[in-house]
Amino acid sequence: MDNNTSFKPSLRLMDATMLVAGSMIGSGIFIVSADITRNVGSAGWLLFVWLITGFMTLTAALSYGELSAMFPKAGGQYVYLKEAYNPLVGFLYGWSFFTVIQTATIAAVGVAFAKFTAYLIPQLSEDLVALNLGFITISPAQLLSILVIVLLTYINTRGVNSGKIVQTIFTMAKLLSLLGLIVFGLFAVKASVWHQNWENAWSMHSLKADGSISTYTTIAALGAIASAMVGSIFSSDSWNNVTFIAGEIKNPKRNIGLSLALGTLIVTVIYILTNIMYTGVLSLHDIATADKDRVGVTASQQIFGSSGTVIIALLIMVSTFGCNNGLIMSGARVYYSMAKDRLFFKKVGTLNKNSVPGFGLWLQCVFACLWSLSGKYGDLLDMISFVVVVFYVLTIIGIFILRRKMPNAERPYKAFGYPVLPIIYIIMGIAFCLLLIKYKPAYTWPGLTITLAGIPVYYLINLTQKKAEAA
């Protein structure tokens, strides 16, 4: 029953900032530096990839501040795209968001939680079989992932304050833990390792598992940077989740833009410092060849010895649990806005007695659990970095469009550095996407296909609506 007709604004600036930072930091920072190092082969270029990703993230976040102040309501990016372009573009984002971007990310983060829990409880390993149904085998890690997703969904159906408490506690815990890891790591820096890694810091090449290297042509080097950025962009994504929950933020015209700036800045600084620490305790070869790409585990073992594995496992468990809470809390608000526009199931557009979209939360939960069972979420996440950046570029172009379409609209906050910084982001985003199309087509076409599959779905929904109205 829909007992409440509107969201309750109860999230302060601190809560919104914790949502931004908490949704960004999952397990990526502990893993993706291995693949980045294999692509670029040097400490300088490793840091450059993280710096350029941080610059793009901050620029996009500062640009979104204008849009969030113009449209301070639930749905965020879906609403911005709909207003700047048309309902179809907004729907394609919402469709991609529901089918893959948010639900597969929730699944991947949930399984990451379970994988690192298995360091402490081996019986939960992803390599074991808990259920064999013939057509599918399910590991204990997948079952634990589903349990966590269901638990966090239930907590968030109890009201925004329940999700807020979990988010703030776990985000603060992981920020302090990451800072602790960085500080201990910097004290453990080995002069010989540091010198070796930074001696030829700007010599770019691919670094293979056997230690051999191969150089790039200039254009191929740009392709290597784009390929490397797939991981860093995924690790820095989901910062925009706070815009989805705008209807529940106090003074949203001010606090959403501020939380975007503060949250992305905090995470960018932490990511840069973490990678500086990696290059001080591990050789580039060790980073590139870390077991299952778990650079964080390898570094922690160097810093803390035999207890390093337990320490990093606990840190990643806290990190992924908090990350998934933020993703689950915010995602359902997009589907709610789509349902209000009659582009999604009608029931998703209702609020439960706790003033949250309960049905939307449970529907998201079901899809995320199915992705957990599929085991294919990791492949898809590599493939959607392209689509995610395409929609970011379209949204930032939307700032220019809306300034023409709505010149007199209230803009309590304007995009920082407009028009220069937004234009730089647009150019960088388009270059990233074009380079991926050329050098990593497997990372582009599946995500693009899923997005474009939403076009016939959109027209089918509209046709159904017209027939219902005619009847």
Protein backbone atom coordinates (compact mmCIF):
# COMPACT_ATOMS: atom_id res chain seq x y z
CA MET A 1 0.00 0.00 0.00
CA ASP A 2 1.28 3.47 -0.86
CA ASN A 3 0.93 5.20 2.49
CA ASN A 4 3.26 8.08 1.68
CA THR A 5 3.11 10.19 -1.44
CA SER A 6 6.51 11.82 -1.17
CA PHE A 7 10.07 11.24 -0.05
CA LYS A 8 11.23 12.53 3.33
CA PRO A 9 14.25 14.88 3.13
CA SER A 10 16.45 13.58 5.95
CA LEU A 11 19.99 13.31 4.53
CA ARG A 12 22.43 16.07 5.49
CA LEU A 13 25.57 17.20 3.63
CA MET A 14 27.70 14.71 5.58
CA ASP A 15 25.31 11.84 4.75
CA ALA A 16 25.31 12.79 1.04
CA THR A 17 29.12 13.04 0.97
CA MET A 18 29.40 9.61 2.62
CA LEU A 19 27.05 8.24 -0.05
CA VAL A 20 29.27 9.64 -2.84
CA ALA A 21 32.53 8.34 -1.33
CA GLY A 22 31.02 5.07 -0.10
CA SER A 23 29.46 4.21 -3.47
CA MET A 24 32.77 4.85 -5.25
CA ILE A 25 35.09 2.80 -3.03
CA GLY A 26 34.47 -0.91 -3.41
CA SER A 27 37.11 -3.52 -4.25
CA GLY A 28 38.49 -1.92 -7.43
CA ILE A 29 41.29 0.09 -5.81
CA PHE A 30 42.70 -3.17 -4.39
CA ILE A 31 42.64 -4.98 -7.75
CA VAL A 32 42.65 -2.95 -10.99
CA SER A 33 46.16 -1.48 -10.63
CA ALA A 34 47.47 -4.89 -11.77
CA ASP A 35 45.81 -4.62 -15.19
CA ILE A 36 46.71 -0.92 -15.47
CA THR A 37 50.38 -1.78 -14.85
CA ARG A 38 50.31 -4.55 -17.45
CA ASN A 39 48.99 -2.02 -19.98
CA VAL A 40 51.31 0.92 -19.27
CA GLY A 41 54.35 -0.79 -17.68
CA SER A 42 55.68 2.10 -15.56
CA ALA A 43 55.04 3.86 -12.26
CA GLY A 44 54.61 7.29 -13.83
CA TRP A 45 52.00 6.15 -16.30
CA LEU A 46 50.23 4.09 -13.59
CA LEU A 47 49.82 7.31 -11.58
CA PHE A 48 48.90 9.24 -14.74
CA VAL A 49 45.99 6.86 -15.46
CA TRP A 50 44.64 7.41 -11.92
CA LEU A 51 45.24 11.17 -12.15
CA ILE A 52 43.46 11.54 -15.48
CA THR A 53 40.56 9.41 -14.20
CA GLY A 54 40.41 11.56 -11.06
CA PHE A 55 40.42 14.73 -13.14
CA MET A 56 37.58 13.42 -15.31
CA THR A 57 35.58 12.30 -12.28
CA LEU A 58 36.01 15.62 -10.48
CA THR A 59 35.19 17.61 -13.62
CA ALA A 60 32.05 15.58 -14.25
CA ALA A 61 30.98 15.82 -10.59
CA LEU A 62 31.46 19.61 -10.55
CA SER A 63 29.49 19.88 -13.79
CA TYR A 64 26.66 17.73 -12.41
CA GLY A 65 26.30 20.24 -9.57
CA GLU A 66 24.50 22.62 -11.95
CA LEU A 67 22.08 19.92 -13.10
CA SER A 68 21.38 18.69 -9.57
CA ALA A 69 20.55 22.25 -8.48
CA MET A 70 18.21 22.69 -11.47
CA PHE A 71 16.41 19.38 -10.95
CA PRO A 72 16.64 18.54 -7.23
CA LYS A 73 14.41 15.47 -7.36
CA ALA A 74 14.66 11.69 -7.41
CA GLY A 75 16.09 10.11 -10.56
CA GLY A 76 19.22 12.22 -11.07
CA GLN A 77 20.95 11.47 -14.35
CA TYR A 78 17.81 9.91 -15.84
CA VAL A 79 15.97 13.21 -15.26
CA TYR A 80 18.84 15.33 -16.64
CA LEU A 81 19.00 13.34 -19.88
CA LYS A 82 15.23 13.38 -20.31
CA GLU A 83 15.09 17.16 -19.81
CA ALA A 84 18.10 17.95 -22.03
CA TYR A 85 17.19 15.61 -24.90
CA ASN A 86 13.94 13.65 -24.86
CA PRO A 87 12.25 10.79 -22.97
CA LEU A 88 13.90 8.15 -25.21
CA VAL A 89 17.46 9.15 -24.24
CA GLY A 90 16.44 9.23 -20.57
CA PHE A 91 14.84 5.79 -20.92
CA LEU A 92 17.92 4.28 -22.60
CA TYR A 93 19.99 5.38 -19.62
CA GLY A 94 17.43 4.00 -17.16
CA TRP A 95 17.17 0.75 -19.17
CA SER A 96 20.96 0.27 -19.21
CA PHE A 97 21.11 1.26 -15.54
CA PHE A 98 18.56 -1.38 -14.51
CA THR A 99 19.59 -4.22 -16.81
CA VAL A 100 23.35 -4.02 -16.25
CA ILE A 101 25.00 -0.89 -14.85
CA GLN A 102 23.53 -0.91 -11.33
CA THR A 103 22.34 -4.49 -10.88
CA ALA A 104 25.50 -6.16 -12.25
CA THR A 105 27.64 -3.77 -10.18
CA ILE A 106 25.71 -4.73 -7.03
CA ALA A 107 26.30 -8.39 -7.91
CA ALA A 108 30.03 -7.88 -8.54
CA VAL A 109 30.53 -5.96 -5.30
CA GLY A 110 28.53 -8.59 -3.40
CA VAL A 111 30.68 -11.43 -4.74
CA ALA A 112 33.83 -9.40 -3.99
CA PHE A 113 32.64 -9.20 -0.36
CA ALA A 114 32.16 -12.98 -0.33
CA LYS A 115 35.53 -13.72 -2.00
CA PHE A 116 37.44 -11.82 0.68
CA THR A 117 35.30 -13.27 3.46
CA ALA A 118 36.61 -16.64 2.22
CA TYR A 119 40.13 -15.54 3.30
CA LEU A 120 38.81 -15.75 6.87
CA ILE A 121 36.30 -18.59 6.33
CA PRO A 122 37.66 -20.91 3.60
CA GLN A 123 34.37 -22.82 3.44
CA LEU A 124 32.91 -19.79 1.61
CA SER A 125 35.38 -20.00 -1.28
CA GLU A 126 34.25 -19.26 -4.84
CA ASP A 127 36.11 -22.42 -5.89
CA LEU A 128 33.79 -24.73 -3.93
CA VAL A 129 30.36 -25.98 -5.03
CA ALA A 130 27.45 -25.41 -2.65
CA LEU A 131 24.69 -26.43 -5.05
CA ASN A 132 24.81 -28.35 -8.32
CA LEU A 133 21.52 -27.97 -10.14
CA GLY A 134 22.75 -29.61 -13.32
CA PHE A 135 22.34 -26.56 -15.54
CA ILE A 136 24.20 -24.35 -13.06
CA THR A 137 26.64 -24.78 -10.20
CA ILE A 138 26.49 -22.29 -7.33
CA SER A 139 29.42 -21.53 -5.04
CA PRO A 140 29.23 -20.58 -1.36
CA ALA A 141 30.59 -17.13 -2.36
CA GLN A 142 27.60 -16.57 -4.64
CA LEU A 143 25.17 -17.62 -1.91
CA LEU A 144 26.82 -15.24 0.58
CA SER A 145 26.66 -12.46 -2.02
CA ILE A 146 22.92 -13.02 -2.39
CA LEU A 147 22.46 -13.06 1.39
CA VAL A 148 24.25 -9.70 1.72
CA ILE A 149 22.24 -8.15 -1.15
CA VAL A 150 18.95 -9.33 0.41
CA LEU A 151 19.99 -8.10 3.88
CA LEU A 152 20.96 -4.63 2.62
CA THR A 153 17.80 -4.42 0.53
CA TYR A 154 15.70 -5.24 3.60
CA ILE A 155 17.54 -2.60 5.68
CA ASN A 156 16.85 0.02 3.00
CA THR A 157 13.16 -0.87 2.77
CA ARG A 158 12.93 0.13 6.44
CA GLY A 159 13.46 3.77 5.51
CA VAL A 160 16.18 6.11 4.32
CA ASN A 161 17.47 6.63 7.87
CA SER A 162 18.28 2.91 8.20
CA GLY A 163 20.33 2.99 5.00
CA LYS A 164 21.93 6.29 6.04
CA ILE A 165 23.23 4.87 9.32
CA VAL A 166 24.80 1.83 7.60
CA GLN A 167 26.30 4.07 4.89
CA THR A 168 27.88 6.58 7.25
CA ILE A 169 29.33 3.96 9.62
CA PHE A 170 30.84 1.79 6.91
CA THR A 171 32.12 4.67 4.77
CA MET A 172 33.87 6.31 7.73
CA ALA A 173 35.34 2.92 8.69
CA LYS A 174 36.75 2.25 5.23
CA LEU A 175 38.10 5.78 4.77
CA LEU A 176 39.97 5.56 8.09
CA SER A 177 41.15 2.02 7.29
CA LEU A 178 42.40 3.03 3.85
CA LEU A 179 44.25 6.01 5.33
CA GLY A 180 45.77 3.65 7.89
CA LEU A 181 46.89 1.27 5.13
CA ILE A 182 48.44 4.19 3.21
CA VAL A 183 50.29 5.52 6.30
CA PHE A 184 51.66 2.09 7.32
CA GLY A 185 52.53 1.42 3.67
CA LEU A 186 54.48 4.67 3.33
CA PHE A 187 56.45 3.79 6.47
CA ALA A 188 57.21 0.41 4.89
CA VAL A 189 58.48 1.87 1.61
CA LYS A 190 61.66 0.15 0.40
CA ALA A 191 64.19 2.56 -1.10
CA SER A 192 65.44 -0.03 -3.61
CA VAL A 193 61.91 -0.84 -4.84
CA TRP A 194 60.98 2.85 -5.05
CA HIS A 195 64.14 3.69 -7.02
CA GLN A 196 63.66 0.76 -9.40
CA ASN A 197 60.00 1.67 -10.08
CA TRP A 198 60.61 5.38 -10.59
CA GLU A 199 63.97 5.26 -12.41
CA ASN A 200 62.27 5.14 -15.83
CA ALA A 201 58.86 6.33 -14.69
CA TRP A 202 57.71 7.56 -18.12
CA SER A 203 58.81 4.66 -20.32
CA MET A 204 55.51 3.22 -21.52
CA HIS A 205 55.29 -0.42 -22.61
CA SER A 206 53.20 -3.49 -21.98
CA LEU A 207 54.43 -5.66 -19.14
CA LYS A 208 53.85 -9.40 -19.49
CA ALA A 209 53.64 -12.03 -16.75
CA ASP A 210 57.03 -13.49 -17.67
CA GLY A 211 58.66 -10.08 -17.21
CA SER A 212 59.05 -9.38 -20.94
CA ILE A 213 58.00 -6.05 -22.38
CA SER A 214 56.83 -4.72 -25.73
CA THR A 215 56.83 -1.09 -26.81
CA TYR A 216 53.97 0.88 -28.37
CA THR A 217 53.60 3.19 -31.34
CA THR A 218 52.20 6.61 -30.36
CA ILE A 219 48.62 5.74 -31.35
CA ALA A 220 48.86 2.30 -29.72
CA ALA A 221 50.07 4.01 -26.53
CA LEU A 222 46.86 6.06 -26.46
CA GLY A 223 44.93 2.81 -26.89
CA ALA A 224 46.86 1.31 -23.95
CA ILE A 225 45.94 4.28 -21.76
CA ALA A 226 42.26 3.93 -22.72
CA SER A 227 42.38 0.18 -22.01
CA ALA A 228 44.04 0.84 -18.65
CA MET A 229 41.40 3.42 -17.76
CA VAL A 230 38.60 0.83 -17.98
CA GLY A 231 39.61 -0.36 -14.51
CA SER A 232 40.22 3.04 -12.97
CA ILE A 233 36.93 4.43 -14.34
CA PHE A 234 35.03 1.44 -12.95
CA SER A 235 36.74 1.96 -9.57
CA SER A 236 35.83 5.66 -9.62
CA ASP A 237 32.27 5.19 -10.85
CA SER A 238 28.94 5.45 -8.99
CA TRP A 239 29.79 8.93 -7.65
CA ASN A 240 26.57 10.13 -9.32
CA ASN A 241 24.40 7.86 -7.15
CA VAL A 242 23.73 10.76 -4.79
CA THR A 243 21.80 12.54 -7.56
CA PHE A 244 19.31 9.65 -7.70
CA ILE A 245 18.32 10.20 -4.09
CA ALA A 246 17.92 13.99 -4.37
CA GLY A 247 14.35 13.93 -3.07
CA GLU A 248 15.61 12.75 0.33
CA ILE A 249 18.44 15.28 0.78
CA LYS A 250 17.99 18.41 2.85
CA ASN A 251 18.60 21.63 0.88
CA PRO A 252 19.38 19.60 -2.28
CA LYS A 253 20.14 22.66 -4.43
CA ARG A 254 23.19 23.29 -2.24
CA ASN A 255 24.10 19.95 -0.73
CA ILE A 256 24.10 17.68 -3.80
CA GLY A 257 26.67 19.78 -5.64
CA LEU A 258 28.82 20.14 -2.52
CA SER A 259 28.65 16.43 -1.71
CA LEU A 260 29.66 15.55 -5.29
CA ALA A 261 32.70 17.85 -5.06
CA LEU A 262 33.76 16.73 -1.58
CA GLY A 263 33.14 13.00 -2.08
CA THR A 264 34.94 12.71 -5.41
CA LEU A 265 37.87 14.82 -4.18
CA ILE A 266 38.31 12.66 -1.05
CA VAL A 267 38.25 9.42 -3.07
CA THR A 268 40.56 10.75 -5.81
CA VAL A 269 43.20 11.77 -3.24
CA ILE A 270 42.95 8.39 -1.48
CA TYR A 271 43.26 6.49 -4.78
CA ILE A 272 46.38 8.46 -5.81
CA LEU A 273 48.02 7.96 -2.40
CA THR A 274 47.20 4.23 -2.43
CA ASN A 275 48.93 3.77 -5.78
CA ILE A 276 51.95 5.80 -4.66
CA MET A 277 52.13 3.42 -1.69
CA TYR A 278 51.89 0.38 -4.01
CA THR A 279 54.92 1.59 -5.99
CA GLY A 280 56.91 1.96 -2.77
CA VAL A 281 56.38 -1.55 -1.40
CA LEU A 282 55.97 -3.67 -4.58
CA SER A 283 57.96 -3.90 -7.79
CA LEU A 284 56.05 -3.22 -10.98
CA HIS A 285 56.37 -6.91 -11.83
CA ASP A 286 54.79 -7.85 -8.47
CA ILE A 287 51.94 -5.39 -9.08
CA ALA A 288 51.32 -6.70 -12.59
CA THR A 289 51.46 -10.38 -11.58
CA ALA A 290 49.64 -10.24 -8.22
CA ASP A 291 47.65 -13.44 -7.61
CA LYS A 292 44.19 -12.97 -9.16
CA ASP A 293 45.15 -9.27 -9.56
CA ARG A 294 44.78 -8.75 -5.80
CA VAL A 295 47.42 -6.04 -5.47
CA GLY A 296 46.00 -4.92 -2.12
CA VAL A 297 46.57 -8.36 -0.61
CA THR A 298 50.15 -8.58 -1.93
CA ALA A 299 50.95 -5.07 -0.64
CA SER A 300 49.39 -5.77 2.76
CA GLN A 301 51.49 -8.92 3.13
CA GLN A 302 54.61 -6.84 2.50
CA ILE A 303 53.51 -4.22 5.05
CA PHE A 304 52.07 -6.41 7.82
CA GLY A 305 53.64 -9.81 7.15
CA SER A 306 51.56 -12.95 7.62
CA SER A 307 48.66 -11.01 9.17
CA GLY A 308 48.43 -8.81 6.05
CA THR A 309 45.94 -11.11 4.33
CA VAL A 310 43.51 -10.95 7.27
CA ILE A 311 43.87 -7.15 7.55
CA ILE A 312 43.19 -6.49 3.88
CA ALA A 313 40.34 -9.05 3.83
CA LEU A 314 38.62 -7.22 6.69
CA LEU A 315 39.19 -3.85 5.00
CA ILE A 316 37.71 -5.04 1.70
CA MET A 317 34.74 -6.65 3.50
CA VAL A 318 33.97 -3.30 5.18
CA SER A 319 34.57 -1.46 1.90
CA THR A 320 32.34 -3.64 -0.29
CA PHE A 321 29.55 -3.91 2.31
CA GLY A 322 29.34 -0.12 2.55
CA CYS A 323 29.65 0.29 -1.21
CA ASN A 324 26.76 -2.06 -1.88
CA ASN A 325 24.56 -0.31 0.65
CA GLY A 326 25.01 2.96 -1.26
CA LEU A 327 24.33 1.31 -4.62
CA ILE A 328 21.20 -0.46 -3.35
CA MET A 329 19.87 2.63 -1.55
CA SER A 330 20.12 4.95 -4.54
CA GLY A 331 19.39 2.70 -7.52
CA ALA A 332 15.69 2.15 -6.87
CA ARG A 333 15.02 5.92 -7.08
CA VAL A 334 15.85 5.86 -10.80
CA TYR A 335 13.27 3.13 -11.47
CA TYR A 336 10.80 5.09 -9.31
CA SER A 337 11.20 8.17 -11.55
CA MET A 338 10.87 6.04 -14.70
CA ALA A 339 7.66 4.50 -13.34
CA LYS A 340 6.29 7.97 -12.61
CA ASP A 341 6.87 8.74 -16.31
CA ARG A 342 5.02 5.49 -17.14
CA LEU A 343 8.20 3.92 -18.55
CA PHE A 344 8.50 1.16 -15.96
CA PHE A 345 6.23 -1.09 -13.90
CA LYS A 346 3.56 1.07 -12.23
CA LYS A 347 4.12 -0.46 -8.80
CA VAL A 348 7.78 0.63 -8.84
CA GLY A 349 6.52 4.21 -8.74
CA THR A 350 4.94 3.82 -5.29
CA LEU A 351 6.45 4.36 -1.86
CA ASN A 352 5.97 2.00 1.08
CA LYS A 353 4.97 2.99 4.63
CA ASN A 354 8.60 4.04 5.28
CA SER A 355 8.55 6.53 2.37
CA VAL A 356 10.95 4.53 0.18
CA PRO A 357 10.30 2.67 -3.13
CA GLY A 358 10.10 -0.77 -1.53
CA PHE A 359 8.90 -2.66 -4.61
CA GLY A 360 11.66 -1.09 -6.72
CA LEU A 361 14.24 -2.09 -4.11
CA TRP A 362 13.09 -5.73 -4.15
CA LEU A 363 12.93 -5.84 -7.98
CA GLN A 364 16.51 -4.52 -8.11
CA CYS A 365 17.44 -7.15 -5.53
CA VAL A 366 16.05 -9.98 -7.69
CA PHE A 367 18.01 -8.87 -10.78
CA ALA A 368 21.22 -8.35 -8.79
CA CYS A 369 20.86 -11.85 -7.29
CA LEU A 370 20.37 -13.32 -10.76
CA TRP A 371 23.57 -11.60 -11.91
CA SER A 372 25.33 -13.06 -8.85
CA LEU A 373 24.25 -16.54 -9.92
CA SER A 374 25.24 -15.97 -13.55
CA GLY A 375 28.91 -15.38 -12.79
CA LYS A 376 29.05 -13.09 -15.85
CA TYR A 377 28.87 -9.73 -14.04
CA GLY A 378 32.67 -9.24 -14.17
CA ASP A 379 32.72 -9.52 -17.98
CA LEU A 380 29.77 -7.16 -18.27
CA LEU A 381 31.32 -4.56 -15.99
CA ASP A 382 34.36 -4.38 -18.25
CA MET A 383 31.99 -3.90 -21.15
CA ILE A 384 29.84 -1.16 -19.61
CA SER A 385 32.64 1.31 -18.82
CA PHE A 386 32.19 2.43 -22.43
CA VAL A 387 28.42 2.92 -22.04
CA VAL A 388 28.83 4.67 -18.69
CA VAL A 389 31.23 7.24 -20.17
CA VAL A 390 28.97 7.74 -23.23
CA PHE A 391 26.09 8.70 -20.90
CA TYR A 392 28.36 10.94 -18.81
CA VAL A 393 29.43 12.77 -21.99
CA LEU A 394 25.81 13.12 -23.13
CA THR A 395 24.81 14.45 -19.73
CA ILE A 396 27.56 17.09 -19.69
CA ILE A 397 26.68 18.12 -23.26
CA GLY A 398 23.19 18.46 -21.78
CA ILE A 399 24.43 21.40 -19.68
CA PHE A 400 25.09 23.37 -22.88
CA ILE A 401 21.72 22.29 -24.34
CA LEU A 402 19.79 23.28 -21.22
CA ARG A 403 21.46 26.70 -21.08
CA ARG A 404 19.96 27.30 -24.52
CA LYS A 405 16.60 25.59 -23.88
CA MET A 406 16.07 27.06 -20.42
CA PRO A 407 18.12 30.26 -20.25
CA ASN A 408 15.98 31.72 -17.47
CA ALA A 409 15.82 28.60 -15.30
CA GLU A 410 17.01 28.96 -11.72
CA ARG A 411 20.65 27.86 -11.41
CA PRO A 412 21.68 28.19 -7.74
CA TYR A 413 24.96 26.51 -8.63
CA LYS A 414 26.72 26.72 -11.99
CA ALA A 415 29.15 24.21 -13.48
CA PHE A 416 32.66 24.97 -12.22
CA GLY A 417 35.00 26.13 -14.98
CA TYR A 418 32.18 26.39 -17.55
CA PRO A 419 32.58 26.13 -20.48
CA VAL A 420 36.26 25.11 -20.46
CA LEU A 421 36.25 22.17 -18.02
CA PRO A 422 33.04 20.59 -19.37
CA ILE A 423 34.43 20.85 -22.92
CA ILE A 424 37.70 19.22 -21.82
CA TYR A 425 35.71 16.38 -20.23
CA ILE A 426 33.62 15.92 -23.38
CA ILE A 427 36.76 15.74 -25.57
CA MET A 428 38.48 13.30 -23.19
CA GLY A 429 35.36 11.16 -22.87
CA ILE A 430 34.86 10.94 -26.64
CA ALA A 431 38.56 10.12 -27.14
CA PHE A 432 38.33 7.35 -24.50
CA CYS A 433 35.28 5.82 -26.22
CA LEU A 434 36.79 6.02 -29.74
CA LEU A 435 40.05 4.44 -28.57
CA LEU A 436 38.12 1.60 -26.91
CA ILE A 437 36.14 0.99 -30.11
CA LYS A 438 39.42 0.68 -32.04
CA TYR A 439 41.61 -1.21 -29.55
CA LYS A 440 39.14 -3.06 -27.30
CA PRO A 441 36.01 -3.72 -29.38
CA ALA A 442 35.03 -6.55 -27.02
CA TYR A 443 34.66 -3.88 -24.31
CA THR A 444 32.30 -1.74 -26.38
CA TRP A 445 29.83 -3.67 -28.52
CA PRO A 446 28.13 -5.81 -25.83
CA GLY A 447 27.33 -2.79 -23.65
CA LEU A 448 26.24 -0.77 -26.67
CA THR A 449 24.03 -3.66 -27.85
CA ILE A 450 22.31 -3.87 -24.45
CA THR A 451 21.69 -0.11 -24.50
CA LEU A 452 20.32 -0.04 -28.06
CA ALA A 453 18.07 -3.02 -27.26
CA GLY A 454 16.15 -0.54 -25.12
CA ILE A 455 14.90 1.35 -28.23
CA PRO A 456 12.28 -1.24 -29.29
CA VAL A 457 11.38 -1.73 -25.61
CA TYR A 458 10.72 2.02 -25.28
CA TYR A 459 8.41 2.09 -28.31
CA LEU A 460 6.65 -1.09 -27.19
CA ILE A 461 5.95 0.49 -23.78
CA ASN A 462 4.62 3.64 -25.47
CA LEU A 463 2.41 1.59 -27.80
CA THR A 464 1.03 -0.36 -24.84
CA GLN A 465 0.32 2.90 -22.99
CA LYS A 466 -1.56 4.37 -25.97
CA LYS A 467 -3.66 1.21 -26.36
CA ALA A 468 -4.51 1.30 -22.65
CA GLU A 469 -5.54 4.96 -22.89
CA ALA A 470 -7.63 4.29 -26.00
CA ALA A 471 -9.42 1.44 -24.24
